[in-house]
């Protein structure tokens, strides 16, 4: 038996790229200069990820400003004072606020995929942001001449296009990042906000065939930024039953950093659908200590007591640097953790044969 293993998405950017992004933002570096350094980082990231033995790779999100805001880069109808996301260590991230319609993505994720495939020898998965996350840019007060209903219709169209373009461009799979799912229970413990998020994302997924949805997955985690999280204190038992309503074939679940992983695994066993493959997180990007292959193996074997091995996969808990300016984890640490995940998953596969 071979248990599949996949990265989630981001890899910390090299120092020269982080510096270049700042220089570009301040007008001291032109787009061509930034593009050259992005390609240099992309080539190095793919080479190093392939060297870990990972059977599936990503581009490390070297070209994205963040996992969440890439569709908005360059959109002029935005104000900076949108929804604030607080993290446990006190720092925050703030989304922009939409000021006018119609809403259109400025960048689609297939643009990153196409560049990655030029350099990759392994299958490439593509991460996209959930429609529910982008939906947070619509303000509480109605935008003049552009009501919420029209915005949602446009958003569903755009989110569908983002996924479909990546599938058409040859993505091995498409992963929808849904970090706001767990956070929603902190904002609304009743679960109403979570259900509305799931319903919105399902409105997008309904536009795909069963065969297409088998290549689409969703990723849940408690956030991961600057070695902190935004919703690790939210009980998975409140999130997972609703999460599994999503019409996807793959579910990527942060688990390595959970204090009670077996409790979460029991909920997964009870509520996941038979056609869904569950990728369990076996490395913790926020913890600087690199897991051993044996630790990873044991986490996989623990999960296999709750989930049939033929429905099991492994992943990292989260991306290593979802926001471009996050340098809290080194590239060397990220690749070492990925290598441990790959080898530990191989050991578990052997043990389950």
C-alpha atoms as a PDB file:
ATOM      1  CA  UNK A   1       0.000   0.000   0.000  1.00  0.00           C
ATOM      2  CA  UNK A   2       1.224   3.496  -0.822  1.00  0.00           C
ATOM      3  CA  UNK A   3      -0.347   6.266   1.250  1.00  0.00           C
ATOM      4  CA  UNK A   4      -0.361   9.533  -0.754  1.00  0.00           C
ATOM      5  CA  UNK A   5       1.359  12.549   0.741  1.00  0.00           C
ATOM      6  CA  UNK A   6       1.110  16.194  -0.333  1.00  0.00           C
ATOM      7  CA  UNK A   7       2.281  19.643   0.771  1.00  0.00           C
ATOM      8  CA  UNK A   8      -0.353  22.237   1.634  1.00  0.00           C
ATOM      9  CA  UNK A   9       1.044  25.218  -0.218  1.00  0.00           C
ATOM     10  CA  UNK A  10       3.445  27.907   0.877  1.00  0.00           C
ATOM     11  CA  UNK A  11       7.180  27.758   1.531  1.00  0.00           C
ATOM     12  CA  UNK A  12       9.011  30.695   3.177  1.00  0.00           C
ATOM     13  CA  UNK A  13      10.324  33.073   0.534  1.00  0.00           C
ATOM     14  CA  UNK A  14      14.096  33.629   0.301  1.00  0.00           C
ATOM     15  CA  UNK A  15      15.346  36.800   1.955  1.00  0.00           C
ATOM     16  CA  UNK A  16      16.108  38.406  -1.385  1.00  0.00           C
ATOM     17  CA  UNK A  17      12.486  37.957  -2.498  1.00  0.00           C
ATOM     18  CA  UNK A  18      11.035  39.326   0.741  1.00  0.00           C
ATOM     19  CA  UNK A  19      13.309  42.363   0.359  1.00  0.00           C
ATOM     20  CA  UNK A  20      12.366  42.746  -3.307  1.00  0.00           C
ATOM     21  CA  UNK A  21       8.660  42.716  -2.488  1.00  0.00           C
ATOM     22  CA  UNK A  22       9.228  45.632  -0.117  1.00  0.00           C
ATOM     23  CA  UNK A  23      11.312  47.487  -2.682  1.00  0.00           C
ATOM     24  CA  UNK A  24       8.626  46.969  -5.332  1.00  0.00           C
ATOM     25  CA  UNK A  25       5.876  48.181  -2.991  1.00  0.00           C
ATOM     26  CA  UNK A  26       7.844  51.362  -2.312  1.00  0.00           C
ATOM     27  CA  UNK A  27       8.463  51.971  -6.016  1.00  0.00           C
ATOM     28  CA  UNK A  28      12.217  51.320  -5.913  1.00  0.00           C
ATOM     29  CA  UNK A  29      12.045  48.084  -7.960  1.00  0.00           C
ATOM     30  CA  UNK A  30      10.130  47.702 -11.205  1.00  0.00           C
ATOM     31  CA  UNK A  31       7.874  44.778 -12.130  1.00  0.00           C
ATOM     32  CA  UNK A  32      10.524  43.178 -14.354  1.00  0.00           C
ATOM     33  CA  UNK A  33      13.089  43.224 -11.574  1.00  0.00           C
ATOM     34  CA  UNK A  34      10.628  41.668  -9.153  1.00  0.00           C
ATOM     35  CA  UNK A  35       9.615  39.084 -11.734  1.00  0.00           C
ATOM     36  CA  UNK A  36      13.212  37.930 -12.211  1.00  0.00           C
ATOM     37  CA  UNK A  37      13.650  37.366  -8.478  1.00  0.00           C
ATOM     38  CA  UNK A  38      10.308  35.592  -8.200  1.00  0.00           C
ATOM     39  CA  UNK A  39      11.348  33.182 -10.940  1.00  0.00           C
ATOM     40  CA  UNK A  40      14.694  32.575  -9.247  1.00  0.00           C
ATOM     41  CA  UNK A  41      12.877  31.737  -6.004  1.00  0.00           C
ATOM     42  CA  UNK A  42      10.373  29.547  -7.843  1.00  0.00           C
ATOM     43  CA  UNK A  43      13.074  27.480  -9.562  1.00  0.00           C
ATOM     44  CA  UNK A  44      14.969  26.958  -6.300  1.00  0.00           C
ATOM     45  CA  UNK A  45      11.772  26.077  -4.397  1.00  0.00           C
ATOM     46  CA  UNK A  46      10.659  23.454  -6.906  1.00  0.00           C
ATOM     47  CA  UNK A  47      14.151  21.937  -7.065  1.00  0.00           C
ATOM     48  CA  UNK A  48      14.387  21.663  -3.283  1.00  0.00           C
ATOM     49  CA  UNK A  49      10.854  20.335  -2.872  1.00  0.00           C
ATOM     50  CA  UNK A  50      11.467  17.657  -5.477  1.00  0.00           C
ATOM     51  CA  UNK A  51      14.697  16.724  -3.664  1.00  0.00           C
ATOM     52  CA  UNK A  52      12.635  15.859  -0.565  1.00  0.00           C
ATOM     53  CA  UNK A  53      11.105  12.980  -2.532  1.00  0.00           C
ATOM     54  CA  UNK A  54       7.638  14.507  -2.355  1.00  0.00           C
ATOM     55  CA  UNK A  55       5.551  12.759  -5.047  1.00  0.00           C
ATOM     56  CA  UNK A  56       3.411  15.880  -5.474  1.00  0.00           C
ATOM     57  CA  UNK A  57       4.704  19.437  -5.188  1.00  0.00           C
ATOM     58  CA  UNK A  58       3.509  23.033  -5.147  1.00  0.00           C
ATOM     59  CA  UNK A  59       5.183  26.231  -6.302  1.00  0.00           C
ATOM     60  CA  UNK A  60       5.585  27.240  -2.663  1.00  0.00           C
ATOM     61  CA  UNK A  61       3.383  30.265  -3.399  1.00  0.00           C
ATOM     62  CA  UNK A  62       6.540  32.233  -4.203  1.00  0.00           C
ATOM     63  CA  UNK A  63       4.565  34.541  -6.490  1.00  0.00           C
ATOM     64  CA  UNK A  64       1.563  35.170  -4.248  1.00  0.00           C
ATOM     65  CA  UNK A  65       1.315  38.227  -1.971  1.00  0.00           C
ATOM     66  CA  UNK A  66      -0.608  35.904   0.345  1.00  0.00           C
ATOM     67  CA  UNK A  67      -2.641  32.720   0.091  1.00  0.00           C
ATOM     68  CA  UNK A  68      -5.810  34.779   0.607  1.00  0.00           C
ATOM     69  CA  UNK A  69      -5.381  37.996  -1.354  1.00  0.00           C
ATOM     70  CA  UNK A  70      -3.787  36.966  -4.665  1.00  0.00           C
ATOM     71  CA  UNK A  71      -7.081  37.467  -6.630  1.00  0.00           C
ATOM     72  CA  UNK A  72      -7.260  41.044  -5.362  1.00  0.00           C
ATOM     73  CA  UNK A  73      -3.758  42.233  -6.247  1.00  0.00           C
ATOM     74  CA  UNK A  74      -4.213  45.223  -8.526  1.00  0.00           C
ATOM     75  CA  UNK A  75      -7.936  45.689  -7.887  1.00  0.00           C
ATOM     76  CA  UNK A  76      -8.542  49.432  -7.582  1.00  0.00           C
ATOM     77  CA  UNK A  77     -11.998  49.322  -5.961  1.00  0.00           C
ATOM     78  CA  UNK A  78     -10.642  48.484  -2.498  1.00  0.00           C
ATOM     79  CA  UNK A  79     -10.107  50.354   0.753  1.00  0.00           C
ATOM     80  CA  UNK A  80      -7.608  49.054   3.345  1.00  0.00           C
ATOM     81  CA  UNK A  81      -9.978  49.053   6.326  1.00  0.00           C
ATOM     82  CA  UNK A  82     -11.675  45.664   5.994  1.00  0.00           C
ATOM     83  CA  UNK A  83     -12.146  42.714   8.340  1.00  0.00           C
ATOM     84  CA  UNK A  84      -9.403  42.306  10.969  1.00  0.00           C
ATOM     85  CA  UNK A  85      -8.187  38.794  11.817  1.00  0.00           C
ATOM     86  CA  UNK A  86      -6.596  38.627  15.295  1.00  0.00           C
ATOM     87  CA  UNK A  87      -3.950  36.018  16.113  1.00  0.00           C
ATOM     88  CA  UNK A  88      -3.222  34.496  19.510  1.00  0.00           C
ATOM     89  CA  UNK A  89       0.074  36.359  19.963  1.00  0.00           C
ATOM     90  CA  UNK A  90      -1.629  39.736  19.494  1.00  0.00           C
ATOM     91  CA  UNK A  91      -0.700  40.517  15.888  1.00  0.00           C
ATOM     92  CA  UNK A  92      -3.408  40.970  13.257  1.00  0.00           C
ATOM     93  CA  UNK A  93      -3.966  40.723   9.524  1.00  0.00           C
ATOM     94  CA  UNK A  94      -6.488  42.974   7.806  1.00  0.00           C
ATOM     95  CA  UNK A  95      -8.433  42.258   4.639  1.00  0.00           C
ATOM     96  CA  UNK A  96      -9.331  45.052   2.232  1.00  0.00           C
ATOM     97  CA  UNK A  97     -12.907  46.338   1.844  1.00  0.00           C
ATOM     98  CA  UNK A  98     -14.745  46.454  -1.473  1.00  0.00           C
ATOM     99  CA  UNK A  99     -15.875  49.961  -2.450  1.00  0.00           C
ATOM    100  CA  UNK A 100     -17.467  49.419  -5.881  1.00  0.00           C
ATOM    101  CA  UNK A 101     -18.612  46.749  -8.294  1.00  0.00           C
ATOM    102  CA  UNK A 102     -18.595  44.745 -10.411  1.00  0.00           C
ATOM    103  CA  UNK A 103     -16.194  42.355  -8.688  1.00  0.00           C
ATOM    104  CA  UNK A 104     -13.663  40.428 -10.770  1.00  0.00           C
ATOM    105  CA  UNK A 105     -10.518  38.491  -9.855  1.00  0.00           C
ATOM    106  CA  UNK A 106      -7.402  40.309 -11.041  1.00  0.00           C
ATOM    107  CA  UNK A 107      -5.240  37.178 -10.885  1.00  0.00           C
ATOM    108  CA  UNK A 108      -6.248  33.538 -11.268  1.00  0.00           C
ATOM    109  CA  UNK A 109      -4.250  30.758  -9.636  1.00  0.00           C
ATOM    110  CA  UNK A 110      -3.523  29.014 -12.939  1.00  0.00           C
ATOM    111  CA  UNK A 111      -1.015  31.764 -13.706  1.00  0.00           C
ATOM    112  CA  UNK A 112       1.160  30.406 -10.870  1.00  0.00           C
ATOM    113  CA  UNK A 113       0.555  26.811 -11.927  1.00  0.00           C
ATOM    114  CA  UNK A 114       1.602  27.428 -15.518  1.00  0.00           C
ATOM    115  CA  UNK A 115       4.908  28.942 -14.359  1.00  0.00           C
ATOM    116  CA  UNK A 116       5.539  26.083 -11.912  1.00  0.00           C
ATOM    117  CA  UNK A 117       4.918  23.404 -14.520  1.00  0.00           C
ATOM    118  CA  UNK A 118       7.673  24.895 -16.695  1.00  0.00           C
ATOM    119  CA  UNK A 119      10.219  23.821 -14.069  1.00  0.00           C
ATOM    120  CA  UNK A 120       8.627  20.817 -12.342  1.00  0.00           C
ATOM    121  CA  UNK A 121       9.215  17.145 -13.090  1.00  0.00           C
ATOM    122  CA  UNK A 122       6.615  15.993 -10.508  1.00  0.00           C
ATOM    123  CA  UNK A 123       2.827  16.535 -10.529  1.00  0.00           C
ATOM    124  CA  UNK A 124       1.872  20.008  -9.262  1.00  0.00           C
ATOM    125  CA  UNK A 125      -1.123  20.733  -7.045  1.00  0.00           C
ATOM    126  CA  UNK A 126      -2.602  24.207  -6.938  1.00  0.00           C
ATOM    127  CA  UNK A 127      -4.007  25.959  -3.896  1.00  0.00           C
ATOM    128  CA  UNK A 128      -6.853  28.465  -4.352  1.00  0.00           C
ATOM    129  CA  UNK A 129      -8.617  30.659  -1.838  1.00  0.00           C
ATOM    130  CA  UNK A 130     -12.178  29.787  -0.819  1.00  0.00           C
ATOM    131  CA  UNK A 131     -15.025  31.963  -2.066  1.00  0.00           C
ATOM    132  CA  UNK A 132     -16.071  32.366   1.572  1.00  0.00           C
ATOM    133  CA  UNK A 133     -12.781  34.103   2.405  1.00  0.00           C
ATOM    134  CA  UNK A 134     -13.036  36.535  -0.504  1.00  0.00           C
ATOM    135  CA  UNK A 135     -16.666  37.141   0.482  1.00  0.00           C
ATOM    136  CA  UNK A 136     -15.401  38.868   3.621  1.00  0.00           C
ATOM    137  CA  UNK A 137     -14.342  41.908   1.587  1.00  0.00           C
ATOM    138  CA  UNK A 138     -17.983  42.956   1.084  1.00  0.00           C
ATOM    139  CA  UNK A 139     -18.732  45.491   3.852  1.00  0.00           C
ATOM    140  CA  UNK A 140     -21.572  45.460   6.354  1.00  0.00           C
ATOM    141  CA  UNK A 141     -23.177  48.446   4.640  1.00  0.00           C
ATOM    142  CA  UNK A 142     -24.313  47.930   1.063  1.00  0.00           C
ATOM    143  CA  UNK A 143     -21.963  49.158  -1.663  1.00  0.00           C
ATOM    144  CA  UNK A 144     -23.673  51.877  -3.700  1.00  0.00           C
ATOM    145  CA  UNK A 145     -25.095  50.459  -6.917  1.00  0.00           C
ATOM    146  CA  UNK A 146     -23.819  46.953  -6.174  1.00  0.00           C
ATOM    147  CA  UNK A 147     -25.852  44.908  -3.738  1.00  0.00           C
ATOM    148  CA  UNK A 148     -24.644  41.858  -1.824  1.00  0.00           C
ATOM    149  CA  UNK A 149     -26.671  39.466  -3.957  1.00  0.00           C
ATOM    150  CA  UNK A 150     -24.989  40.639  -7.159  1.00  0.00           C
ATOM    151  CA  UNK A 151     -21.582  40.491  -5.481  1.00  0.00           C
ATOM    152  CA  UNK A 152     -22.180  36.879  -4.417  1.00  0.00           C
ATOM    153  CA  UNK A 153     -23.254  35.939  -7.950  1.00  0.00           C
ATOM    154  CA  UNK A 154     -20.085  37.483  -9.363  1.00  0.00           C
ATOM    155  CA  UNK A 155     -17.961  35.888  -6.624  1.00  0.00           C
ATOM    156  CA  UNK A 156     -19.293  32.392  -7.340  1.00  0.00           C
ATOM    157  CA  UNK A 157     -18.530  32.863 -11.035  1.00  0.00           C
ATOM    158  CA  UNK A 158     -15.001  34.029 -10.289  1.00  0.00           C
ATOM    159  CA  UNK A 159     -14.271  31.284  -7.733  1.00  0.00           C
ATOM    160  CA  UNK A 160     -15.505  28.665 -10.204  1.00  0.00           C
ATOM    161  CA  UNK A 161     -13.228  30.107 -12.888  1.00  0.00           C
ATOM    162  CA  UNK A 162     -10.259  30.055 -10.503  1.00  0.00           C
ATOM    163  CA  UNK A 163     -10.672  26.316  -9.865  1.00  0.00           C
ATOM    164  CA  UNK A 164     -11.623  25.376 -13.422  1.00  0.00           C
ATOM    165  CA  UNK A 165      -8.693  27.208 -14.981  1.00  0.00           C
ATOM    166  CA  UNK A 166      -6.279  25.331 -12.710  1.00  0.00           C
ATOM    167  CA  UNK A 167      -7.856  21.977 -13.571  1.00  0.00           C
ATOM    168  CA  UNK A 168      -7.727  22.854 -17.275  1.00  0.00           C
ATOM    169  CA  UNK A 169      -4.062  23.884 -16.940  1.00  0.00           C
ATOM    170  CA  UNK A 170      -3.162  20.427 -15.660  1.00  0.00           C
ATOM    171  CA  UNK A 171      -3.200  20.689 -11.876  1.00  0.00           C
ATOM    172  CA  UNK A 172      -2.765  17.304 -10.232  1.00  0.00           C
ATOM    173  CA  UNK A 173      -5.389  18.517  -7.760  1.00  0.00           C
ATOM    174  CA  UNK A 174      -6.862  21.802  -6.580  1.00  0.00           C
ATOM    175  CA  UNK A 175      -6.972  22.601  -2.874  1.00  0.00           C
ATOM    176  CA  UNK A 176      -9.407  25.187  -1.518  1.00  0.00           C
ATOM    177  CA  UNK A 177      -7.944  26.999   1.490  1.00  0.00           C
ATOM    178  CA  UNK A 178     -10.682  27.363   4.109  1.00  0.00           C
ATOM    179  CA  UNK A 179      -8.897  28.662   7.204  1.00  0.00           C
ATOM    180  CA  UNK A 180     -11.852  30.973   7.942  1.00  0.00           C
ATOM    181  CA  UNK A 181     -14.006  27.907   8.662  1.00  0.00           C
ATOM    182  CA  UNK A 182     -12.629  27.288  12.129  1.00  0.00           C
ATOM    183  CA  UNK A 183     -12.322  31.013  12.799  1.00  0.00           C
ATOM    184  CA  UNK A 184     -16.031  31.475  12.008  1.00  0.00           C
ATOM    185  CA  UNK A 185     -16.960  29.529  15.142  1.00  0.00           C
ATOM    186  CA  UNK A 186     -15.050  32.046  17.222  1.00  0.00           C
ATOM    187  CA  UNK A 187     -16.955  34.891  15.574  1.00  0.00           C
ATOM    188  CA  UNK A 188     -20.310  33.056  15.713  1.00  0.00           C
ATOM    189  CA  UNK A 189     -20.391  30.070  18.110  1.00  0.00           C
ATOM    190  CA  UNK A 190     -23.919  29.211  16.917  1.00  0.00           C
ATOM    191  CA  UNK A 191     -22.440  27.824  13.693  1.00  0.00           C
ATOM    192  CA  UNK A 192     -24.643  29.971  11.470  1.00  0.00           C
ATOM    193  CA  UNK A 193     -21.694  31.799   9.910  1.00  0.00           C
ATOM    194  CA  UNK A 194     -19.891  28.497   9.297  1.00  0.00           C
ATOM    195  CA  UNK A 195     -22.949  27.040   7.583  1.00  0.00           C
ATOM    196  CA  UNK A 196     -23.233  30.117   5.372  1.00  0.00           C
ATOM    197  CA  UNK A 197     -19.562  29.707   4.397  1.00  0.00           C
ATOM    198  CA  UNK A 198     -20.089  26.029   3.523  1.00  0.00           C
ATOM    199  CA  UNK A 199     -23.233  26.847   1.525  1.00  0.00           C
ATOM    200  CA  UNK A 200     -21.375  29.530  -0.450  1.00  0.00           C
ATOM    201  CA  UNK A 201     -18.464  27.206  -1.225  1.00  0.00           C
ATOM    202  CA  UNK A 202     -20.886  24.445  -2.220  1.00  0.00           C
ATOM    203  CA  UNK A 203     -22.560  26.869  -4.644  1.00  0.00           C
ATOM    204  CA  UNK A 204     -19.180  26.951  -6.395  1.00  0.00           C
ATOM    205  CA  UNK A 205     -18.579  23.187  -6.116  1.00  0.00           C
ATOM    206  CA  UNK A 206     -22.031  22.398  -7.498  1.00  0.00           C
ATOM    207  CA  UNK A 207     -20.757  23.626 -10.869  1.00  0.00           C
ATOM    208  CA  UNK A 208     -18.292  20.730 -11.136  1.00  0.00           C
ATOM    209  CA  UNK A 209     -18.925  17.109 -12.052  1.00  0.00           C
ATOM    210  CA  UNK A 210     -18.315  14.239  -9.629  1.00  0.00           C
ATOM    211  CA  UNK A 211     -15.169  13.370 -11.598  1.00  0.00           C
ATOM    212  CA  UNK A 212     -13.899  16.936 -11.274  1.00  0.00           C
ATOM    213  CA  UNK A 213     -14.755  17.127  -7.573  1.00  0.00           C
ATOM    214  CA  UNK A 214     -12.647  14.001  -6.989  1.00  0.00           C
ATOM    215  CA  UNK A 215      -9.632  16.208  -7.846  1.00  0.00           C
ATOM    216  CA  UNK A 216     -10.779  19.102  -5.639  1.00  0.00           C
ATOM    217  CA  UNK A 217     -10.061  19.272  -1.918  1.00  0.00           C
ATOM    218  CA  UNK A 218     -10.489  21.597   1.034  1.00  0.00           C
ATOM    219  CA  UNK A 219      -7.912  22.481   3.673  1.00  0.00           C
ATOM    220  CA  UNK A 220      -8.808  23.392   7.243  1.00  0.00           C
ATOM    221  CA  UNK A 221      -6.446  24.682   9.915  1.00  0.00           C
ATOM    222  CA  UNK A 222      -6.463  27.199  12.796  1.00  0.00           C
ATOM    223  CA  UNK A 223      -4.394  29.680  10.795  1.00  0.00           C
ATOM    224  CA  UNK A 224      -0.628  29.859  10.783  1.00  0.00           C
ATOM    225  CA  UNK A 225       1.223  33.169  10.621  1.00  0.00           C
ATOM    226  CA  UNK A 226       4.381  34.397  12.353  1.00  0.00           C
ATOM    227  CA  UNK A 227       4.379  31.284  14.551  1.00  0.00           C
ATOM    228  CA  UNK A 228       0.872  32.000  15.828  1.00  0.00           C
ATOM    229  CA  UNK A 229      -2.701  30.848  15.137  1.00  0.00           C
ATOM    230  CA  UNK A 230      -6.154  32.431  15.204  1.00  0.00           C
ATOM    231  CA  UNK A 231      -8.489  29.593  16.189  1.00  0.00           C
ATOM    232  CA  UNK A 232      -6.654  26.588  17.686  1.00  0.00           C
ATOM    233  CA  UNK A 233      -8.842  26.999  20.791  1.00  0.00           C
ATOM    234  CA  UNK A 234     -12.007  26.267  18.733  1.00  0.00           C
ATOM    235  CA  UNK A 235     -13.161  22.666  19.222  1.00  0.00           C
ATOM    236  CA  UNK A 236     -12.905  20.584  16.052  1.00  0.00           C
ATOM    237  CA  UNK A 237     -16.121  18.854  17.088  1.00  0.00           C
ATOM    238  CA  UNK A 238     -17.912  22.091  16.213  1.00  0.00           C
ATOM    239  CA  UNK A 239     -16.273  22.427  12.799  1.00  0.00           C
ATOM    240  CA  UNK A 240     -15.763  19.003  11.252  1.00  0.00           C
ATOM    241  CA  UNK A 241     -19.353  17.715  10.975  1.00  0.00           C
ATOM    242  CA  UNK A 242     -20.283  20.788   8.905  1.00  0.00           C
ATOM    243  CA  UNK A 243     -16.978  20.820   7.020  1.00  0.00           C
ATOM    244  CA  UNK A 244     -17.655  17.363   5.614  1.00  0.00           C
ATOM    245  CA  UNK A 245     -20.775  18.723   3.895  1.00  0.00           C
ATOM    246  CA  UNK A 246     -18.425  20.307   1.371  1.00  0.00           C
ATOM    247  CA  UNK A 247     -18.676  18.544  -1.991  1.00  0.00           C
ATOM    248  CA  UNK A 248     -14.999  17.701  -2.357  1.00  0.00           C
ATOM    249  CA  UNK A 249     -13.088  14.477  -2.815  1.00  0.00           C
ATOM    250  CA  UNK A 250     -10.152  15.369  -0.553  1.00  0.00           C
ATOM    251  CA  UNK A 251     -10.061  16.923   2.908  1.00  0.00           C
ATOM    252  CA  UNK A 252      -6.767  18.182   4.359  1.00  0.00           C
ATOM    253  CA  UNK A 253      -6.992  18.395   8.165  1.00  0.00           C
ATOM    254  CA  UNK A 254      -4.437  20.020  10.474  1.00  0.00           C
ATOM    255  CA  UNK A 255      -3.773  17.432  13.181  1.00  0.00           C
ATOM    256  CA  UNK A 256      -0.115  17.401  14.291  1.00  0.00           C
ATOM    257  CA  UNK A 257      -0.600  20.461  16.510  1.00  0.00           C
ATOM    258  CA  UNK A 258      -3.890  19.251  18.013  1.00  0.00           C
ATOM    259  CA  UNK A 259      -3.730  18.529  21.751  1.00  0.00           C
ATOM    260  CA  UNK A 260      -6.225  15.663  21.385  1.00  0.00           C
ATOM    261  CA  UNK A 261      -5.701  14.195  17.917  1.00  0.00           C
ATOM    262  CA  UNK A 262      -7.593  10.976  18.644  1.00  0.00           C
ATOM    263  CA  UNK A 263     -10.674  12.970  19.603  1.00  0.00           C
ATOM    264  CA  UNK A 264     -10.509  14.776  16.260  1.00  0.00           C
ATOM    265  CA  UNK A 265      -9.922  11.491  14.431  1.00  0.00           C
ATOM    266  CA  UNK A 266     -13.048  10.037  16.016  1.00  0.00           C
ATOM    267  CA  UNK A 267     -15.108  12.979  14.726  1.00  0.00           C
ATOM    268  CA  UNK A 268     -13.554  12.516  11.275  1.00  0.00           C
ATOM    269  CA  UNK A 269     -14.413   8.815  11.326  1.00  0.00           C
ATOM    270  CA  UNK A 270     -18.022   9.576  12.216  1.00  0.00           C
ATOM    271  CA  UNK A 271     -18.683  12.425   9.782  1.00  0.00           C
ATOM    272  CA  UNK A 272     -16.453  12.072   6.708  1.00  0.00           C
ATOM    273  CA  UNK A 273     -18.093  10.614   3.622  1.00  0.00           C
ATOM    274  CA  UNK A 274     -16.922   7.294   2.144  1.00  0.00           C
ATOM    275  CA  UNK A 275     -15.786   8.891  -1.107  1.00  0.00           C
ATOM    276  CA  UNK A 276     -13.581  11.446   0.674  1.00  0.00           C
ATOM    277  CA  UNK A 277      -9.858  10.883   1.175  1.00  0.00           C
ATOM    278  CA  UNK A 278      -8.606  12.359   4.452  1.00  0.00           C
ATOM    279  CA  UNK A 279      -5.126  13.873   4.445  1.00  0.00           C
ATOM    280  CA  UNK A 280      -4.036  14.199   8.085  1.00  0.00           C
ATOM    281  CA  UNK A 281      -1.468  16.770   9.143  1.00  0.00           C
ATOM    282  CA  UNK A 282       1.674  15.018  10.416  1.00  0.00           C
ATOM    283  CA  UNK A 283       4.114  17.958  10.636  1.00  0.00           C
ATOM    284  CA  UNK A 284       3.583  21.233  12.481  1.00  0.00           C
ATOM    285  CA  UNK A 285       4.951  24.239  10.548  1.00  0.00           C
ATOM    286  CA  UNK A 286       4.717  26.489  13.607  1.00  0.00           C
ATOM    287  CA  UNK A 287       6.916  24.280  15.795  1.00  0.00           C
ATOM    288  CA  UNK A 288      10.584  24.866  14.839  1.00  0.00           C
ATOM    289  CA  UNK A 289      11.585  21.324  15.865  1.00  0.00           C
ATOM    290  CA  UNK A 290      11.761  19.009  12.864  1.00  0.00           C
ATOM    291  CA  UNK A 291       9.753  15.844  13.356  1.00  0.00           C
ATOM    292  CA  UNK A 292      11.498  12.501  12.902  1.00  0.00           C
ATOM    293  CA  UNK A 293      10.314  10.094  10.247  1.00  0.00           C
ATOM    294  CA  UNK A 294       9.381   7.701  13.054  1.00  0.00           C
ATOM    295  CA  UNK A 295       7.153  10.314  14.699  1.00  0.00           C
ATOM    296  CA  UNK A 296       5.410  10.884  11.381  1.00  0.00           C
ATOM    297  CA  UNK A 297       5.002   7.126  10.912  1.00  0.00           C
ATOM    298  CA  UNK A 298       3.389   6.794  14.318  1.00  0.00           C
ATOM    299  CA  UNK A 299       0.964   9.654  13.597  1.00  0.00           C
ATOM    300  CA  UNK A 300      -0.082   7.950  10.373  1.00  0.00           C
ATOM    301  CA  UNK A 301      -0.580   4.616  12.125  1.00  0.00           C
ATOM    302  CA  UNK A 302      -2.627   6.372  14.808  1.00  0.00           C
ATOM    303  CA  UNK A 303      -4.881   7.868  12.106  1.00  0.00           C
ATOM    304  CA  UNK A 304      -5.185   4.461  10.408  1.00  0.00           C
ATOM    305  CA  UNK A 305      -6.935   3.131  13.520  1.00  0.00           C
ATOM    306  CA  UNK A 306      -9.811   5.522  12.775  1.00  0.00           C
ATOM    307  CA  UNK A 307      -9.694   5.961   8.991  1.00  0.00           C
ATOM    308  CA  UNK A 308      -9.351   3.085   6.539  1.00  0.00           C
ATOM    309  CA  UNK A 309      -5.806   3.182   5.101  1.00  0.00           C
ATOM    310  CA  UNK A 310      -7.205   3.182   1.568  1.00  0.00           C
ATOM    311  CA  UNK A 311      -8.861   6.541   2.348  1.00  0.00           C
ATOM    312  CA  UNK A 312      -5.846   8.009   4.147  1.00  0.00           C
ATOM    313  CA  UNK A 313      -3.253  10.547   3.065  1.00  0.00           C
ATOM    314  CA  UNK A 314      -0.771  12.812   4.835  1.00  0.00           C
ATOM    315  CA  UNK A 315       0.096  16.496   4.611  1.00  0.00           C
ATOM    316  CA  UNK A 316       1.677  19.295   6.588  1.00  0.00           C
ATOM    317  CA  UNK A 317      -0.682  20.978   9.038  1.00  0.00           C
ATOM    318  CA  UNK A 318      -0.630  24.266   7.123  1.00  0.00           C
ATOM    319  CA  UNK A 319       1.450  26.186   4.662  1.00  0.00           C
ATOM    320  CA  UNK A 320       4.796  27.327   6.050  1.00  0.00           C
ATOM    321  CA  UNK A 321       4.437  30.990   5.076  1.00  0.00           C
ATOM    322  CA  UNK A 322       0.896  31.889   3.950  1.00  0.00           C
ATOM    323  CA  UNK A 323       1.764  35.610   3.913  1.00  0.00           C
ATOM    324  CA  UNK A 324       4.743  36.722   1.829  1.00  0.00           C
ATOM    325  CA  UNK A 325       6.388  38.708   4.643  1.00  0.00           C
ATOM    326  CA  UNK A 326       6.299  35.852   7.190  1.00  0.00           C
ATOM    327  CA  UNK A 327       9.919  34.818   7.839  1.00  0.00           C
ATOM    328  CA  UNK A 328       9.316  33.090  11.187  1.00  0.00           C
ATOM    329  CA  UNK A 329      10.208  29.687   9.704  1.00  0.00           C
ATOM    330  CA  UNK A 330      13.363  29.093   7.655  1.00  0.00           C
ATOM    331  CA  UNK A 331      13.341  27.448   4.259  1.00  0.00           C
ATOM    332  CA  UNK A 332      15.715  24.775   5.558  1.00  0.00           C
ATOM    333  CA  UNK A 333      13.283  23.887   8.345  1.00  0.00           C
ATOM    334  CA  UNK A 334      10.356  23.730   5.940  1.00  0.00           C
ATOM    335  CA  UNK A 335      12.112  21.369   3.540  1.00  0.00           C
ATOM    336  CA  UNK A 336      13.410  19.206   6.401  1.00  0.00           C
ATOM    337  CA  UNK A 337       9.854  18.820   7.711  1.00  0.00           C
ATOM    338  CA  UNK A 338       8.595  17.910   4.250  1.00  0.00           C
ATOM    339  CA  UNK A 339      11.347  15.292   3.901  1.00  0.00           C
ATOM    340  CA  UNK A 340      10.354  13.827   7.281  1.00  0.00           C
ATOM    341  CA  UNK A 341       6.710  13.720   6.170  1.00  0.00           C
ATOM    342  CA  UNK A 342       7.596  11.889   2.973  1.00  0.00           C
ATOM    343  CA  UNK A 343       9.846   9.337   4.680  1.00  0.00           C
ATOM    344  CA  UNK A 344       7.500   8.824   7.640  1.00  0.00           C
ATOM    345  CA  UNK A 345       4.570   8.254   5.322  1.00  0.00           C
ATOM    346  CA  UNK A 346       6.645   5.678   3.430  1.00  0.00           C
ATOM    347  CA  UNK A 347       7.447   3.883   6.695  1.00  0.00           C
ATOM    348  CA  UNK A 348       3.762   3.863   7.649  1.00  0.00           C
ATOM    349  CA  UNK A 349       2.816   2.501   4.226  1.00  0.00           C
ATOM    350  CA  UNK A 350       5.247  -0.379   4.739  1.00  0.00           C
ATOM    351  CA  UNK A 351       3.900  -1.064   8.228  1.00  0.00           C
ATOM    352  CA  UNK A 352       0.330  -1.211   6.918  1.00  0.00           C
ATOM    353  CA  UNK A 353       1.121  -3.646   4.091  1.00  0.00           C
END
